[in-house]
């Protein structure tokens, strides 16, 4: 093998090894996000506490946060906030016998869930709006058909008395049974940060929106990593 070919291989290897660090640098140059910060969704109110902005006391903002819930996953394990402690999670609503939209939405989520399968900071959650039919056993079979990565993508069921208010009052989307075979539910995928605040809505059937979700997950991961860095000093 010539010296030129050896040199080329060394350069290619160096670029591959440097790429992850370079991408992280782009997100966190000097502790500042080069991308637009993600918004907070839902009602807001001013707190009694304040923080300094250019030497001026400015009221803190209290953002909408999810209330805790108790549901069961496809393995019949209990799921609550404790399950997602310290994690970012991505949520959608669906039902297993949905003829069109759910299948397309969950197909797109499957790509994301498998792409982030080794990232311990992120989980994916799909909540049925038809818990009467979608038992843990049914959800297990549905998850297997989608090749859902174990422990990464949870499919949740429970009582409508928990699920419907959670959708409307927590995630701020629609969920309602119309007839035995017809449900009103949102096609939105929802991005939730570690503090259980809503940071983004995305159409689950729109490829551009799903790509935007993928990009904004990375931005949110960067935000979390920066906050951890600041906490160390």
Protein backbone atom coordinates (compact mmCIF):
# COMPACT_ATOMS: atom_id res chain seq x y z
CA UNK A 1 0.00 0.00 0.00
CA UNK A 2 1.43 3.40 -1.00
CA UNK A 3 2.10 6.18 1.48
CA UNK A 4 -0.52 8.32 -0.33
CA UNK A 5 -3.27 5.74 0.27
CA UNK A 6 -2.25 5.35 3.92
CA UNK A 7 -2.37 9.13 4.38
CA UNK A 8 -5.83 9.31 2.79
CA UNK A 9 -7.16 6.61 5.15
CA UNK A 10 -5.73 8.42 8.18
CA UNK A 11 -7.40 11.69 7.11
CA UNK A 12 -10.78 9.97 6.55
CA UNK A 13 -10.57 8.24 9.93
CA UNK A 14 -9.71 11.52 11.65
CA UNK A 15 -12.71 13.24 10.04
CA UNK A 16 -15.08 10.45 11.14
CA UNK A 17 -13.82 10.64 14.72
CA UNK A 18 -14.03 14.43 14.78
CA UNK A 19 -17.55 14.74 13.34
CA UNK A 20 -19.61 14.13 16.55
CA UNK A 21 -17.55 16.67 18.46
CA UNK A 22 -17.85 19.18 15.64
CA UNK A 23 -21.65 18.84 15.55
CA UNK A 24 -21.83 19.33 19.31
CA UNK A 25 -19.59 22.41 18.93
CA UNK A 26 -21.99 23.88 16.37
CA UNK A 27 -24.83 23.56 18.87
CA UNK A 28 -22.92 24.85 21.87
CA UNK A 29 -20.34 27.41 20.71
CA UNK A 30 -19.26 29.28 23.84
CA UNK A 31 -22.35 28.02 25.64
CA UNK A 32 -24.73 29.71 23.17
CA UNK A 33 -27.26 27.92 20.99
CA UNK A 34 -26.63 28.73 17.32
CA UNK A 35 -30.19 27.60 16.59
CA UNK A 36 -33.35 29.42 17.57
CA UNK A 37 -34.28 28.42 21.16
CA UNK A 38 -37.33 26.19 21.31
CA UNK A 39 -40.54 27.88 22.52
CA UNK A 40 -42.69 26.85 25.48
CA UNK A 41 -46.32 25.99 24.67
CA UNK A 42 -49.41 26.39 26.81
CA UNK A 43 -50.60 29.01 29.31
CA UNK A 44 -47.98 31.00 31.19
CA UNK A 45 -48.05 33.09 34.36
CA UNK A 46 -45.63 35.28 36.23
CA UNK A 47 -44.08 33.93 39.42
CA UNK A 48 -43.43 35.86 42.62
CA UNK A 49 -39.71 35.18 42.22
CA UNK A 50 -37.43 37.25 39.99
CA UNK A 51 -34.11 37.09 38.18
CA UNK A 52 -31.69 39.76 37.00
CA UNK A 53 -31.74 40.91 33.38
CA UNK A 54 -29.10 43.59 32.73
CA UNK A 55 -29.25 44.49 36.40
CA UNK A 56 -33.04 44.76 36.52
CA UNK A 57 -35.27 42.43 38.57
CA UNK A 58 -37.50 40.57 36.11
CA UNK A 59 -40.33 38.23 37.17
CA UNK A 60 -39.75 34.54 36.46
CA UNK A 61 -42.21 32.84 34.12
CA UNK A 62 -44.11 29.72 35.12
CA UNK A 63 -44.73 27.60 32.04
CA UNK A 64 -47.44 25.00 31.53
CA UNK A 65 -46.32 21.58 32.78
CA UNK A 66 -47.90 18.15 32.57
CA UNK A 67 -49.65 16.65 35.57
CA UNK A 68 -48.52 13.20 36.69
CA UNK A 69 -50.41 10.20 35.37
CA UNK A 70 -50.63 6.46 35.92
CA UNK A 71 -50.97 4.17 32.89
CA UNK A 72 -49.72 0.73 31.79
CA UNK A 73 -47.31 -0.08 28.97
CA UNK A 74 -47.36 -2.97 26.49
CA UNK A 75 -45.61 -5.20 29.04
CA UNK A 76 -48.28 -4.32 31.64
CA UNK A 77 -45.75 -2.29 33.65
CA UNK A 78 -46.95 0.86 35.45
CA UNK A 79 -45.87 4.13 33.81
CA UNK A 80 -45.82 7.56 35.44
CA UNK A 81 -43.55 10.61 35.59
CA UNK A 82 -41.03 8.51 37.48
CA UNK A 83 -40.55 6.44 34.31
CA UNK A 84 -39.29 9.55 32.49
CA UNK A 85 -37.37 11.17 35.30
CA UNK A 86 -34.57 13.31 33.85
CA UNK A 87 -35.58 12.45 30.28
CA UNK A 88 -36.88 14.10 27.14
CA UNK A 89 -39.84 12.26 25.68
CA UNK A 90 -41.84 12.35 22.46
CA UNK A 91 -45.59 11.63 22.62
CA UNK A 92 -48.45 10.89 20.24
CA UNK A 93 -52.02 9.59 20.50
CA UNK A 94 -53.39 6.76 18.34
CA UNK A 95 -55.41 3.53 18.35
CA UNK A 96 -54.36 0.19 16.89
CA UNK A 97 -57.31 -0.31 14.50
CA UNK A 98 -57.01 3.22 13.07
CA UNK A 99 -57.20 2.76 9.28
CA UNK A 100 -54.86 5.45 7.97
CA UNK A 101 -53.34 8.33 9.93
CA UNK A 102 -52.10 6.34 12.94
CA UNK A 103 -50.24 3.86 10.77
CA UNK A 104 -48.41 6.61 8.88
CA UNK A 105 -47.67 8.57 12.04
CA UNK A 106 -46.29 5.56 13.92
CA UNK A 107 -44.25 4.51 10.89
CA UNK A 108 -42.51 7.88 11.05
CA UNK A 109 -42.03 7.58 14.80
CA UNK A 110 -40.54 4.11 14.30
CA UNK A 111 -37.74 5.63 12.22
CA UNK A 112 -37.01 8.18 14.95
CA UNK A 113 -37.28 5.68 17.82
CA UNK A 114 -34.83 3.29 16.17
CA UNK A 115 -32.54 6.18 15.30
CA UNK A 116 -32.38 7.20 18.98
CA UNK A 117 -32.38 3.63 20.31
CA UNK A 118 -28.98 4.06 22.00
CA UNK A 119 -29.63 7.56 23.35
CA UNK A 120 -30.59 7.20 27.02
CA UNK A 121 -31.83 10.80 27.23
CA UNK A 122 -34.87 10.24 25.00
CA UNK A 123 -37.98 8.04 25.13
CA UNK A 124 -40.96 7.70 22.79
CA UNK A 125 -44.53 7.26 24.03
CA UNK A 126 -47.71 6.38 22.12
CA UNK A 127 -50.97 6.54 24.09
CA UNK A 128 -54.10 4.77 22.85
CA UNK A 129 -57.40 6.66 22.75
CA UNK A 130 -59.24 3.32 22.67
CA UNK A 131 -58.12 1.55 25.85
CA UNK A 132 -61.26 -0.62 25.85
CA UNK A 133 -59.87 -2.52 22.84
CA UNK A 134 -56.19 -1.73 23.16
CA UNK A 135 -55.15 -3.85 26.11
CA UNK A 136 -51.49 -4.37 27.00
CA UNK A 137 -51.53 -7.62 25.00
CA UNK A 138 -52.89 -5.89 21.88
CA UNK A 139 -50.35 -3.08 22.25
CA UNK A 140 -47.55 -5.63 22.61
CA UNK A 141 -48.47 -7.22 19.29
CA UNK A 142 -48.77 -3.80 17.65
CA UNK A 143 -45.33 -2.76 18.97
CA UNK A 144 -43.77 -5.94 17.61
CA UNK A 145 -45.19 -5.27 14.14
CA UNK A 146 -43.57 -1.84 14.22
CA UNK A 147 -40.23 -3.26 15.39
CA UNK A 148 -40.39 -0.88 18.35
CA UNK A 149 -37.08 -0.86 20.28
CA UNK A 150 -37.64 -2.42 23.69
CA UNK A 151 -37.60 0.02 26.58
CA UNK A 152 -37.30 2.98 24.18
CA UNK A 153 -40.81 3.20 22.73
CA UNK A 154 -43.70 2.64 25.16
CA UNK A 155 -47.30 2.04 24.14
CA UNK A 156 -49.66 3.05 26.93
CA UNK A 157 -53.20 2.13 27.90
CA UNK A 158 -55.45 2.79 30.89
CA UNK A 159 -58.84 4.34 31.63
CA UNK A 160 -60.45 6.97 29.42
CA UNK A 161 -61.04 8.94 32.61
CA UNK A 162 -57.25 9.35 32.77
CA UNK A 163 -56.30 9.40 29.07
CA UNK A 164 -58.79 11.96 27.73
CA UNK A 165 -58.18 14.64 30.41
CA UNK A 166 -54.43 13.99 30.09
CA UNK A 167 -54.63 14.70 26.36
CA UNK A 168 -56.78 17.83 26.68
CA UNK A 169 -55.42 19.41 29.86
CA UNK A 170 -51.87 18.09 29.84
CA UNK A 171 -50.71 17.75 26.24
CA UNK A 172 -53.31 20.29 25.01
CA UNK A 173 -54.61 18.12 22.15
CA UNK A 174 -57.95 16.50 21.37
CA UNK A 175 -58.93 12.97 22.39
CA UNK A 176 -62.54 11.83 22.33
CA UNK A 177 -64.59 8.74 21.50
CA UNK A 178 -67.36 9.41 18.98
CA UNK A 179 -68.56 5.84 18.28
CA UNK A 180 -67.09 2.38 18.84
CA UNK A 181 -65.09 2.73 15.64
CA UNK A 182 -64.55 6.47 15.44
CA UNK A 183 -62.33 8.66 17.59
CA UNK A 184 -61.31 12.29 17.55
CA UNK A 185 -57.61 12.56 18.24
CA UNK A 186 -54.69 14.73 17.22
CA UNK A 187 -52.18 13.83 14.52
CA UNK A 188 -49.59 15.89 16.39
CA UNK A 189 -46.38 14.50 17.83
CA UNK A 190 -45.44 16.41 20.98
CA UNK A 191 -41.94 17.13 22.29
CA UNK A 192 -41.64 17.25 26.10
CA UNK A 193 -38.55 18.46 27.96
CA UNK A 194 -37.06 17.14 31.20
CA UNK A 195 -39.17 19.54 33.27
CA UNK A 196 -42.38 18.12 31.66
CA UNK A 197 -42.98 21.26 29.57
CA UNK A 198 -44.26 21.22 25.98
CA UNK A 199 -41.55 22.41 23.57
CA UNK A 200 -42.97 21.52 20.16
CA UNK A 201 -45.87 20.21 18.07
CA UNK A 202 -45.33 18.40 14.77
CA UNK A 203 -47.67 16.81 12.22
CA UNK A 204 -46.96 13.09 12.39
CA UNK A 205 -47.85 12.58 8.73
CA UNK A 206 -45.79 15.45 7.31
CA UNK A 207 -42.22 14.38 6.40
CA UNK A 208 -40.94 17.96 6.73
CA UNK A 209 -42.44 18.27 10.21
CA UNK A 210 -40.96 14.92 11.24
CA UNK A 211 -37.54 16.12 10.04
CA UNK A 212 -38.05 19.32 12.04
CA UNK A 213 -38.86 17.20 15.10
CA UNK A 214 -35.64 15.25 14.63
CA UNK A 215 -33.65 18.49 14.42
CA UNK A 216 -35.38 20.03 17.44
CA UNK A 217 -34.79 16.91 19.54
CA UNK A 218 -31.08 17.56 18.95
CA UNK A 219 -31.49 21.22 19.93
CA UNK A 220 -33.27 20.19 23.14
CA UNK A 221 -30.54 17.63 23.93
CA UNK A 222 -27.98 20.41 23.50
CA UNK A 223 -30.01 22.62 25.86
CA UNK A 224 -29.99 19.88 28.51
CA UNK A 225 -26.26 19.27 28.13
CA UNK A 226 -25.51 22.99 28.49
CA UNK A 227 -27.64 23.24 31.64
CA UNK A 228 -25.70 20.31 33.11
CA UNK A 229 -22.42 22.00 32.23
CA UNK A 230 -23.52 25.22 33.97
CA UNK A 231 -24.57 23.25 37.06
CA UNK A 232 -21.00 22.00 37.43
CA UNK A 233 -19.61 25.53 37.92
